[in-house]
């Protein structure tokens, strides 16, 4: 059990970095979603493969919105908890 405890302590110490990385990559995703949405609404195509495939590809971007909100809230809660201690 000692090895597991050491691993969990190590992993917990890296949580801030992991959440920070996810936060940054998700924030970068927002302009990309807006740009792709603008292209899709303007031209009706994203990759000019198939209108259904284009709709699905943009739909996958939209599915990421709840994840962006979740990661942002997790990051904020983690930072807040660190500053309270």
Protein backbone atom coordinates (compact mmCIF):
# COMPACT_ATOMS: atom_id res chain seq x y z
CA UNK A 1 0.00 0.00 0.00
CA UNK A 2 2.98 2.28 0.56
CA UNK A 3 3.78 2.42 -3.18
CA UNK A 4 0.19 3.38 -3.98
CA UNK A 5 0.24 6.16 -1.39
CA UNK A 6 3.49 7.53 -2.84
CA UNK A 7 2.07 7.44 -6.35
CA UNK A 8 -1.14 9.19 -5.28
CA UNK A 9 0.85 11.88 -3.45
CA UNK A 10 2.99 12.42 -6.56
CA UNK A 11 -0.09 12.57 -8.80
CA UNK A 12 -1.81 15.03 -6.47
CA UNK A 13 1.25 17.31 -6.64
CA UNK A 14 0.94 17.37 -10.46
CA UNK A 15 -2.79 18.19 -10.47
CA UNK A 16 -2.18 21.93 -10.69
CA UNK A 17 -0.02 21.53 -13.80
CA UNK A 18 -2.49 19.14 -15.44
CA UNK A 19 -5.46 21.43 -14.77
CA UNK A 20 -3.48 24.46 -15.93
CA UNK A 21 -2.57 22.72 -19.19
CA UNK A 22 -6.18 21.66 -19.79
CA UNK A 23 -7.38 25.17 -18.98
CA UNK A 24 -5.00 26.81 -21.47
CA UNK A 25 -5.71 24.33 -24.25
CA UNK A 26 -9.45 24.70 -23.77
CA UNK A 27 -9.27 28.50 -23.77
CA UNK A 28 -7.31 28.34 -27.04
CA UNK A 29 -10.14 26.18 -28.41
CA UNK A 30 -12.71 29.01 -28.06
CA UNK A 31 -11.40 31.20 -30.93
CA UNK A 32 -11.09 28.08 -33.07
CA UNK A 33 -14.75 27.21 -32.46
CA UNK A 34 -15.81 30.75 -33.33
CA UNK A 35 -13.69 30.76 -36.50
CA UNK A 36 -14.99 27.37 -37.67
CA UNK A 37 -18.55 28.38 -36.85
CA UNK A 38 -18.14 31.56 -38.89
CA UNK A 39 -16.74 29.58 -41.83
CA UNK A 40 -19.54 27.02 -41.56
CA UNK A 41 -22.29 29.66 -41.40
CA UNK A 42 -20.71 31.73 -44.18
CA UNK A 43 -19.98 28.97 -46.68
CA UNK A 44 -22.01 26.01 -45.45
CA UNK A 45 -18.84 23.92 -45.52
CA UNK A 46 -15.85 23.32 -43.30
CA UNK A 47 -13.74 20.73 -45.09
CA UNK A 48 -15.74 20.45 -48.32
CA UNK A 49 -16.00 16.69 -47.82
CA UNK A 50 -19.71 16.26 -47.27
CA UNK A 51 -22.31 18.56 -45.70
CA UNK A 52 -23.23 15.88 -43.15
CA UNK A 53 -19.55 15.31 -42.25
CA UNK A 54 -19.07 19.09 -41.91
CA UNK A 55 -22.06 19.33 -39.58
CA UNK A 56 -20.75 16.44 -37.47
CA UNK A 57 -17.24 17.94 -37.29
CA UNK A 58 -18.63 21.26 -36.08
CA UNK A 59 -20.98 19.42 -33.74
CA UNK A 60 -17.94 17.82 -32.10
CA UNK A 61 -16.53 21.30 -31.49
CA UNK A 62 -19.80 22.35 -29.87
CA UNK A 63 -19.79 19.28 -27.61
CA UNK A 64 -16.57 20.65 -26.10
CA UNK A 65 -18.37 23.68 -24.62
CA UNK A 66 -19.51 21.89 -21.43
CA UNK A 67 -16.01 20.48 -21.06
CA UNK A 68 -14.51 23.98 -21.36
CA UNK A 69 -16.86 25.23 -18.64
CA UNK A 70 -16.07 22.21 -16.44
CA UNK A 71 -12.28 22.54 -16.75
CA UNK A 72 -12.49 26.29 -16.10
CA UNK A 73 -14.52 25.73 -12.92
CA UNK A 74 -12.19 22.93 -11.76
CA UNK A 75 -9.16 25.14 -12.35
CA UNK A 76 -10.74 28.08 -10.51
CA UNK A 77 -11.76 25.87 -7.57
CA UNK A 78 -8.28 24.34 -7.41
CA UNK A 79 -6.55 27.73 -7.46
CA UNK A 80 -8.95 29.11 -4.87
CA UNK A 81 -8.39 26.09 -2.59
CA UNK A 82 -4.61 26.48 -2.90
CA UNK A 83 -4.76 30.17 -1.95
CA UNK A 84 -7.03 29.53 1.04
CA UNK A 85 -4.55 27.12 2.63
